[in-house]
Amino acid sequence: MKSILVTGAAGFIGCNFVRLLLADTNSDWQVRAYDALTYAGNLANLADFQQDKRFTFIKADICDPKAVDTAMEEMDVVVNFAAESHVDRSILSAGDFIRTNIEGVRVLAEAAMKHKVKRFLQVSTDEVYGSLGKTGLFTETTPLAPNSPYSASKTSADLLLLAYHRTFGFPVVVTRCSNNYGPYQFPEKLIPLFVTNLLEGKKVPVYGDGMQIRDWIHVDDHCRAILTVIKKGLDGEVYNIGSENEQYNINITKLILKHLGKDESYIEHVTDRLGHDRRYAIDSTKTKQQLGWQAQVDFEEGLRQTIEWYLSNKPWWSAIKTGEYLDYYEKQYGHRERVVDDG
């Protein structure tokens, strides 16, 4: 299986996955990158590959059946990263999330069945499980209990695809990952927003008391896990991906401040998100034991490298933090203090 359609390829995780596939000049993966280039999709993320003969790019929407049908021709594998993923945006307006995350997935799945794709991997999220208490971990059998329009739309897509497997024998696998961090992440998420705000001399907005807990994984580890699932996963199965690295939001904030030589006066506690899940934590035992994958990046070292990347790539994030990005923030937060998405 060497021809692969990567939807949402110009986004954060998608572009890093393309980078993994093509980093080895001897790799024989043929990558067809597909992205609508909405606000979080950035063609600059794929600039390194524009002259690579193994790489082609299609600008199109996954909800466009004709475009999807054409893109799916002669593909062995489909990996779907394409999604609306910002929880606060889903609270503001859920329509785009229903359209892209559910209807778009249906369009992709039906085209994949038509073209007899050998493997369809749906990139999902641990947010479909809802919120944990002080103890316990999300396993693949944890009941689904989404608490935002975003996570509800991802849950719907997972269930639709798994139903296609049971009904039609559709060769789908679903991965559910914890919070990602790393290079090329759009600066509405916690780590890149805080880093870039501090580099601009601005304060960092921390939700509530900052004691929300997330299991953080470096995007490179996530991408390696996805590739492992493509090669070794079983059709109709769900695989959790996490790094056993639970961190309080406030602790991450303080680590970023320390690295950039800033004191805690730069912290600004703001109104908490509606329905904010308190804790996520992933049990990756199944993925590790059955497929042989293991997270490799130490969190503090990975965070240091990520901060250094943003320090070295100011033109990239400066261009993003203008225009529609700022228009959205004015619409969303103009009536209150600004907040940030940690998911």
Protein backbone atom coordinates (compact mmCIF):
# COMPACT_ATOMS: atom_id res chain seq x y z
CA MET A 1 0.00 0.00 0.00
CA LYS A 2 2.02 2.94 -1.26
CA SER A 3 -0.41 5.48 -2.74
CA ILE A 4 -1.97 7.56 0.01
CA LEU A 5 -4.55 10.35 0.10
CA VAL A 6 -4.00 12.66 3.07
CA THR A 7 -6.97 14.94 3.67
CA GLY A 8 -6.42 18.02 5.81
CA ALA A 9 -2.79 17.77 4.73
CA ALA A 10 -2.07 21.49 5.12
CA GLY A 11 -3.10 21.52 8.76
CA PHE A 12 -0.95 20.96 11.82
CA ILE A 13 -0.95 17.18 12.19
CA GLY A 14 -1.55 16.53 8.49
CA CYS A 15 1.54 18.42 7.33
CA ASN A 16 3.69 16.68 9.93
CA PHE A 17 2.37 13.33 8.74
CA VAL A 18 3.25 14.20 5.13
CA ARG A 19 6.70 15.18 6.40
CA LEU A 20 7.07 11.76 8.04
CA LEU A 21 6.09 9.95 4.84
CA LEU A 22 8.48 11.92 2.64
CA ALA A 23 11.38 12.63 5.02
CA ASP A 24 13.27 9.61 3.74
CA THR A 25 14.34 10.41 0.17
CA ASN A 26 14.26 6.68 -0.56
CA SER A 27 10.63 6.36 0.53
CA ASP A 28 8.33 5.16 -2.23
CA TRP A 29 5.12 6.58 -0.76
CA GLN A 30 3.13 8.50 -3.37
CA VAL A 31 1.36 11.26 -1.43
CA ARG A 32 -1.74 13.04 -2.69
CA ALA A 33 -2.36 15.94 -0.30
CA TYR A 34 -5.91 17.31 -0.14
CA ASP A 35 -6.99 20.44 1.71
CA ALA A 36 -9.64 23.15 1.37
CA LEU A 37 -7.20 25.72 2.83
CA THR A 38 -9.72 27.15 5.24
CA TYR A 39 -8.46 29.32 8.10
CA ALA A 40 -6.25 26.64 9.73
CA GLY A 41 -4.96 25.11 6.49
CA ASN A 42 -1.76 26.74 5.31
CA LEU A 43 -0.08 25.76 2.04
CA ALA A 44 3.19 27.13 3.43
CA ASN A 45 3.18 24.07 5.73
CA LEU A 46 3.82 21.92 2.65
CA ALA A 47 6.28 24.20 0.86
CA ASP A 48 9.15 21.74 1.34
CA PHE A 49 7.47 19.21 -0.95
CA GLN A 50 6.21 21.29 -3.87
CA GLN A 51 9.00 20.03 -6.14
CA ASP A 52 8.96 16.44 -4.87
CA LYS A 53 7.77 14.05 -7.59
CA ARG A 54 6.20 11.85 -4.91
CA PHE A 55 3.88 14.68 -3.86
CA THR A 56 0.82 16.29 -5.44
CA PHE A 57 -1.60 18.80 -3.93
CA ILE A 58 -5.34 19.22 -4.50
CA LYS A 59 -7.19 22.25 -3.16
CA ALA A 60 -10.73 21.06 -2.52
CA ASP A 61 -13.39 20.46 0.12
CA ILE A 62 -14.05 16.95 1.46
CA CYS A 63 -17.77 17.75 1.17
CA ASP A 64 -17.42 18.04 -2.63
CA PRO A 65 -18.30 14.57 -3.98
CA LYS A 66 -16.84 15.17 -7.46
CA ALA A 67 -13.50 16.45 -6.14
CA VAL A 68 -13.28 13.63 -3.62
CA ASP A 69 -14.12 11.02 -6.25
CA THR A 70 -11.35 12.27 -8.53
CA ALA A 71 -8.82 12.46 -5.70
CA MET A 72 -9.63 8.94 -4.55
CA GLU A 73 -8.74 7.31 -7.88
CA GLU A 74 -5.96 4.70 -7.59
CA MET A 75 -5.43 5.29 -3.87
CA ASP A 76 -4.47 2.42 -1.58
CA VAL A 77 -4.82 4.33 1.70
CA VAL A 78 -6.83 7.32 2.90
CA VAL A 79 -5.94 9.17 6.12
CA ASN A 80 -8.53 11.73 7.14
CA PHE A 81 -7.15 14.64 9.16
CA ALA A 82 -9.65 17.08 7.66
CA ALA A 83 -11.84 18.49 10.42
CA GLU A 84 -13.08 21.55 12.15
CA SER A 85 -11.36 21.15 15.50
CA HIS A 86 -11.59 24.29 17.65
CA VAL A 87 -13.96 23.71 20.56
CA ASP A 88 -14.73 27.40 21.10
CA ARG A 89 -15.62 27.83 17.43
CA SER A 90 -18.04 24.91 17.71
CA ILE A 91 -19.73 26.60 20.67
CA LEU A 92 -20.02 29.83 18.70
CA SER A 93 -21.44 28.08 15.61
CA ALA A 94 -21.82 24.32 15.16
CA GLY A 95 -22.86 24.28 11.50
CA ASP A 96 -19.40 23.98 9.94
CA PHE A 97 -18.56 21.16 12.35
CA ILE A 98 -21.61 19.13 11.38
CA ARG A 99 -20.92 19.72 7.69
CA THR A 100 -17.19 18.92 7.64
CA ASN A 101 -16.84 16.40 10.44
CA ILE A 102 -19.90 14.30 9.61
CA GLU A 103 -21.08 14.96 6.05
CA GLY A 104 -17.51 15.28 4.79
CA VAL A 105 -16.62 11.94 6.34
CA ARG A 106 -19.63 10.32 4.67
CA VAL A 107 -18.51 11.66 1.29
CA LEU A 108 -14.99 10.34 1.84
CA ALA A 109 -16.17 6.92 2.98
CA GLU A 110 -18.52 6.38 0.06
CA ALA A 111 -15.85 7.39 -2.45
CA ALA A 112 -13.36 5.09 -0.71
CA MET A 113 -15.77 2.17 -1.02
CA LYS A 114 -16.39 2.95 -4.68
CA HIS A 115 -12.65 2.96 -5.44
CA LYS A 116 -11.97 -0.10 -3.23
CA VAL A 117 -9.45 1.64 -0.98
CA LYS A 118 -7.56 -0.93 1.07
CA ARG A 119 -7.37 1.09 4.29
CA PHE A 120 -9.22 4.16 5.58
CA LEU A 121 -7.85 5.71 8.77
CA GLN A 122 -10.05 8.18 10.63
CA VAL A 123 -8.08 10.51 12.89
CA SER A 124 -10.33 11.14 15.89
CA THR A 125 -9.85 12.55 19.38
CA ASP A 126 -9.96 11.54 23.03
CA GLU A 127 -12.63 14.23 23.48
CA VAL A 128 -15.25 11.76 22.25
CA TYR A 129 -15.00 10.08 25.66
CA GLY A 130 -16.00 13.21 27.57
CA SER A 131 -14.35 14.13 30.86
CA LEU A 132 -12.58 11.96 33.44
CA GLY A 133 -12.63 12.28 37.19
CA LYS A 134 -9.46 12.39 39.26
CA THR A 135 -8.67 8.75 38.50
CA GLY A 136 -8.96 6.37 35.58
CA LEU A 137 -7.99 6.37 31.91
CA PHE A 138 -9.83 6.36 28.61
CA THR A 139 -9.71 2.93 26.98
CA GLU A 140 -11.13 1.95 23.62
CA THR A 141 -14.22 0.57 25.40
CA THR A 142 -14.92 3.68 27.48
CA PRO A 143 -18.51 4.83 26.75
CA LEU A 144 -18.65 7.77 24.35
CA ALA A 145 -19.90 10.93 26.08
CA PRO A 146 -18.95 14.06 24.09
CA ASN A 147 -19.51 17.40 25.81
CA SER A 148 -19.11 19.95 23.00
CA PRO A 149 -20.51 20.32 19.49
CA TYR A 150 -17.00 19.62 18.20
CA SER A 151 -16.55 16.35 20.08
CA ALA A 152 -20.13 15.32 19.28
CA SER A 153 -19.41 15.74 15.57
CA LYS A 154 -16.25 13.64 15.83
CA THR A 155 -18.13 10.98 17.77
CA SER A 156 -20.78 10.88 15.05
CA ALA A 157 -18.13 10.39 12.37
CA ASP A 158 -16.47 7.55 14.30
CA LEU A 159 -19.78 5.75 14.73
CA LEU A 160 -20.77 6.25 11.11
CA LEU A 161 -17.50 4.78 9.85
CA LEU A 162 -17.61 1.84 12.22
CA ALA A 163 -21.20 1.20 11.11
CA TYR A 164 -19.96 1.19 7.49
CA HIS A 165 -17.44 -1.46 8.51
CA ARG A 166 -20.09 -3.64 10.11
CA THR A 167 -22.61 -3.14 7.31
CA PHE A 168 -20.39 -3.13 4.22
CA GLY A 169 -17.05 -4.51 5.40
CA PHE A 170 -15.51 -1.05 4.97
CA PRO A 171 -11.76 -1.30 5.83
CA VAL A 172 -11.69 1.50 8.41
CA VAL A 173 -9.57 1.96 11.53
CA VAL A 174 -10.14 4.78 14.00
CA THR A 175 -7.42 6.41 16.09
CA ARG A 176 -8.18 8.58 19.11
CA CYS A 177 -5.32 10.72 20.31
CA SER A 178 -4.63 13.03 23.22
CA ASN A 179 -3.54 16.67 22.93
CA ASN A 180 -0.83 17.25 20.33
CA TYR A 181 1.94 19.84 20.37
CA GLY A 182 4.83 20.61 18.03
CA PRO A 183 5.78 22.70 14.98
CA TYR A 184 3.22 24.18 12.58
CA GLN A 185 0.37 24.20 15.11
CA PHE A 186 -2.15 26.97 14.44
CA PRO A 187 -1.80 29.67 17.13
CA GLU A 188 -5.25 29.32 18.65
CA LYS A 189 -4.17 26.25 20.63
CA LEU A 190 -2.65 26.63 24.07
CA ILE A 191 1.08 26.12 23.50
CA PRO A 192 1.57 28.10 20.25
CA LEU A 193 -0.77 30.88 21.38
CA PHE A 194 1.05 31.30 24.68
CA VAL A 195 4.49 31.19 23.05
CA THR A 196 3.62 33.69 20.32
CA ASN A 197 1.76 35.99 22.70
CA LEU A 198 4.82 36.14 24.95
CA LEU A 199 7.08 36.81 21.98
CA GLU A 200 4.78 39.73 21.15
CA GLY A 201 4.95 41.00 24.75
CA LYS A 202 1.34 40.02 25.47
CA LYS A 203 -0.16 38.20 28.43
CA VAL A 204 -1.30 34.58 28.24
CA PRO A 205 -5.00 33.84 28.94
CA VAL A 206 -5.47 30.86 31.26
CA TYR A 207 -8.95 29.35 31.57
CA GLY A 208 -10.31 29.52 35.12
CA ASP A 209 -7.86 28.17 37.68
CA GLY A 210 -5.72 26.45 35.01
CA MET A 211 -6.07 23.08 36.73
CA GLN A 212 -7.49 21.30 33.70
CA ILE A 213 -5.46 18.17 32.92
CA ARG A 214 -4.53 16.95 29.46
CA ASP A 215 -2.33 14.07 28.24
CA TRP A 216 0.14 15.76 25.87
CA ILE A 217 1.87 13.97 22.99
CA HIS A 218 4.38 15.32 20.49
CA VAL A 219 2.98 15.42 16.96
CA ASP A 220 5.88 13.27 15.69
CA ASP A 221 4.90 10.47 18.07
CA HIS A 222 1.29 10.77 16.94
CA CYS A 223 2.28 10.59 13.28
CA ARG A 224 4.45 7.53 13.88
CA ALA A 225 1.51 5.90 15.61
CA ILE A 226 -0.79 6.61 12.67
CA LEU A 227 1.71 5.07 10.26
CA THR A 228 1.96 2.03 12.53
CA VAL A 229 -1.82 1.63 12.57
CA ILE A 230 -1.94 1.89 8.77
CA LYS A 231 0.56 -0.95 8.49
CA LYS A 232 -0.51 -3.20 11.35
CA GLY A 233 -3.99 -2.24 12.55
CA LEU A 234 -7.05 -4.43 12.10
CA ASP A 235 -10.14 -3.30 10.20
CA GLY A 236 -13.02 -2.15 12.39
CA GLU A 237 -10.79 -1.48 15.40
CA VAL A 238 -10.22 1.65 17.49
CA TYR A 239 -6.70 2.47 18.72
CA ASN A 240 -5.98 5.00 21.47
CA ILE A 241 -2.79 7.05 21.17
CA GLY A 242 -1.29 8.84 24.15
CA SER A 243 2.03 9.33 25.89
CA GLU A 244 1.10 8.91 29.58
CA ASN A 245 2.04 12.54 30.09
CA GLU A 246 -0.66 14.27 32.13
CA GLN A 247 -0.05 17.96 32.69
CA TYR A 248 -2.03 20.76 34.31
CA ASN A 249 -2.57 23.69 31.94
CA ILE A 250 -1.13 26.06 34.53
CA ASN A 251 2.06 23.98 34.81
CA ILE A 252 2.58 24.08 31.04
CA THR A 253 2.04 27.81 31.17
CA LYS A 254 4.74 28.20 33.81
CA LEU A 255 7.17 26.02 31.82
CA ILE A 256 6.69 28.25 28.77
CA LEU A 257 7.19 31.39 30.89
CA LYS A 258 10.37 29.96 32.37
CA HIS A 259 11.80 29.02 28.98
CA LEU A 260 11.15 32.50 27.60
CA GLY A 261 12.43 34.30 30.70
CA LYS A 262 9.05 35.74 31.70
CA ASP A 263 7.55 35.98 35.19
CA GLU A 264 4.05 35.02 36.28
CA SER A 265 2.75 38.58 35.90
CA TYR A 266 2.17 37.58 32.27
CA ILE A 267 -0.56 35.12 33.36
CA GLU A 268 -4.12 36.39 33.01
CA HIS A 269 -6.88 34.15 34.36
CA VAL A 270 -10.00 34.45 32.19
CA THR A 271 -13.56 33.13 32.19
CA ASP A 272 -13.67 29.37 31.79
CA ARG A 273 -15.10 27.73 28.65
CA LEU A 274 -18.71 26.54 28.68
CA GLY A 275 -18.84 22.82 29.51
CA HIS A 276 -15.05 22.63 29.83
CA ASP A 277 -13.88 19.04 30.34
CA ARG A 278 -11.69 18.83 33.43
CA ARG A 279 -9.39 15.90 32.66
CA TYR A 280 -8.39 13.69 29.74
CA ALA A 281 -5.99 10.76 30.02
CA ILE A 282 -5.39 8.01 27.46
CA ASP A 283 -4.64 4.34 27.98
CA SER A 284 -2.57 3.28 24.93
CA THR A 285 -1.98 -0.29 26.08
CA LYS A 286 -3.78 -1.82 23.10
CA THR A 287 -1.78 0.18 20.56
CA LYS A 288 1.50 -0.54 22.30
CA GLN A 289 0.97 -4.24 22.95
CA GLN A 290 -0.80 -5.22 19.72
CA LEU A 291 1.05 -2.96 17.26
CA GLY A 292 4.41 -2.35 18.93
CA TRP A 293 4.22 1.45 18.94
CA GLN A 294 5.73 3.54 21.74
CA ALA A 295 5.93 7.31 22.30
CA GLN A 296 9.54 8.47 22.12
CA VAL A 297 9.64 12.24 22.73
CA ASP A 298 10.24 13.42 26.31
CA PHE A 299 7.73 16.17 27.09
CA GLU A 300 10.04 18.85 28.49
CA GLU A 301 12.53 18.33 25.65
CA GLY A 302 9.73 18.28 23.09
CA LEU A 303 8.29 21.48 24.55
CA ARG A 304 11.71 23.13 24.44
CA GLN A 305 12.14 22.16 20.78
CA THR A 306 8.65 23.41 19.98
CA ILE A 307 9.29 26.78 21.60
CA GLU A 308 12.57 27.06 19.70
CA TRP A 309 10.72 26.32 16.45
CA TYR A 310 8.34 29.23 17.03
CA LEU A 311 11.29 31.45 17.94
CA SER A 312 12.95 30.55 14.63
CA ASN A 313 9.81 30.83 12.50
CA LYS A 314 8.33 34.21 13.35
CA PRO A 315 7.37 34.99 9.70
CA TRP A 316 5.20 31.84 9.66
CA TRP A 317 3.13 32.63 12.73
CA SER A 318 3.15 36.41 12.27
CA ALA A 319 1.42 35.98 8.92
CA ILE A 320 -1.22 33.78 10.54
CA LYS A 321 -1.99 36.07 13.48
CA THR A 322 -3.59 38.65 11.21
CA GLY A 323 -6.67 38.88 9.03
CA GLU A 324 -9.36 36.28 9.59
CA TYR A 325 -7.66 34.97 12.71
CA LEU A 326 -7.99 38.33 14.44
CA ASP A 327 -11.49 38.90 13.00
CA TYR A 328 -12.58 35.63 14.60
CA TYR A 329 -11.11 36.56 17.96
CA GLU A 330 -12.85 39.93 17.90
CA LYS A 331 -16.17 38.23 17.16
CA GLN A 332 -15.65 35.51 19.75
CA TYR A 333 -14.03 37.43 22.56
CA GLY A 334 -14.66 41.12 21.88
CA HIS A 335 -17.22 41.20 24.71
CA ARG A 336 -14.95 39.55 27.26
CA GLU A 337 -11.36 38.71 28.01
CA ARG A 338 -9.72 36.50 25.41
CA VAL A 339 -9.44 32.81 26.05
CA VAL A 340 -7.64 29.92 24.42
CA ASP A 341 -8.41 26.43 23.22
CA ASP A 342 -6.48 23.76 25.11
CA GLY A 343 -7.96 20.94 23.05
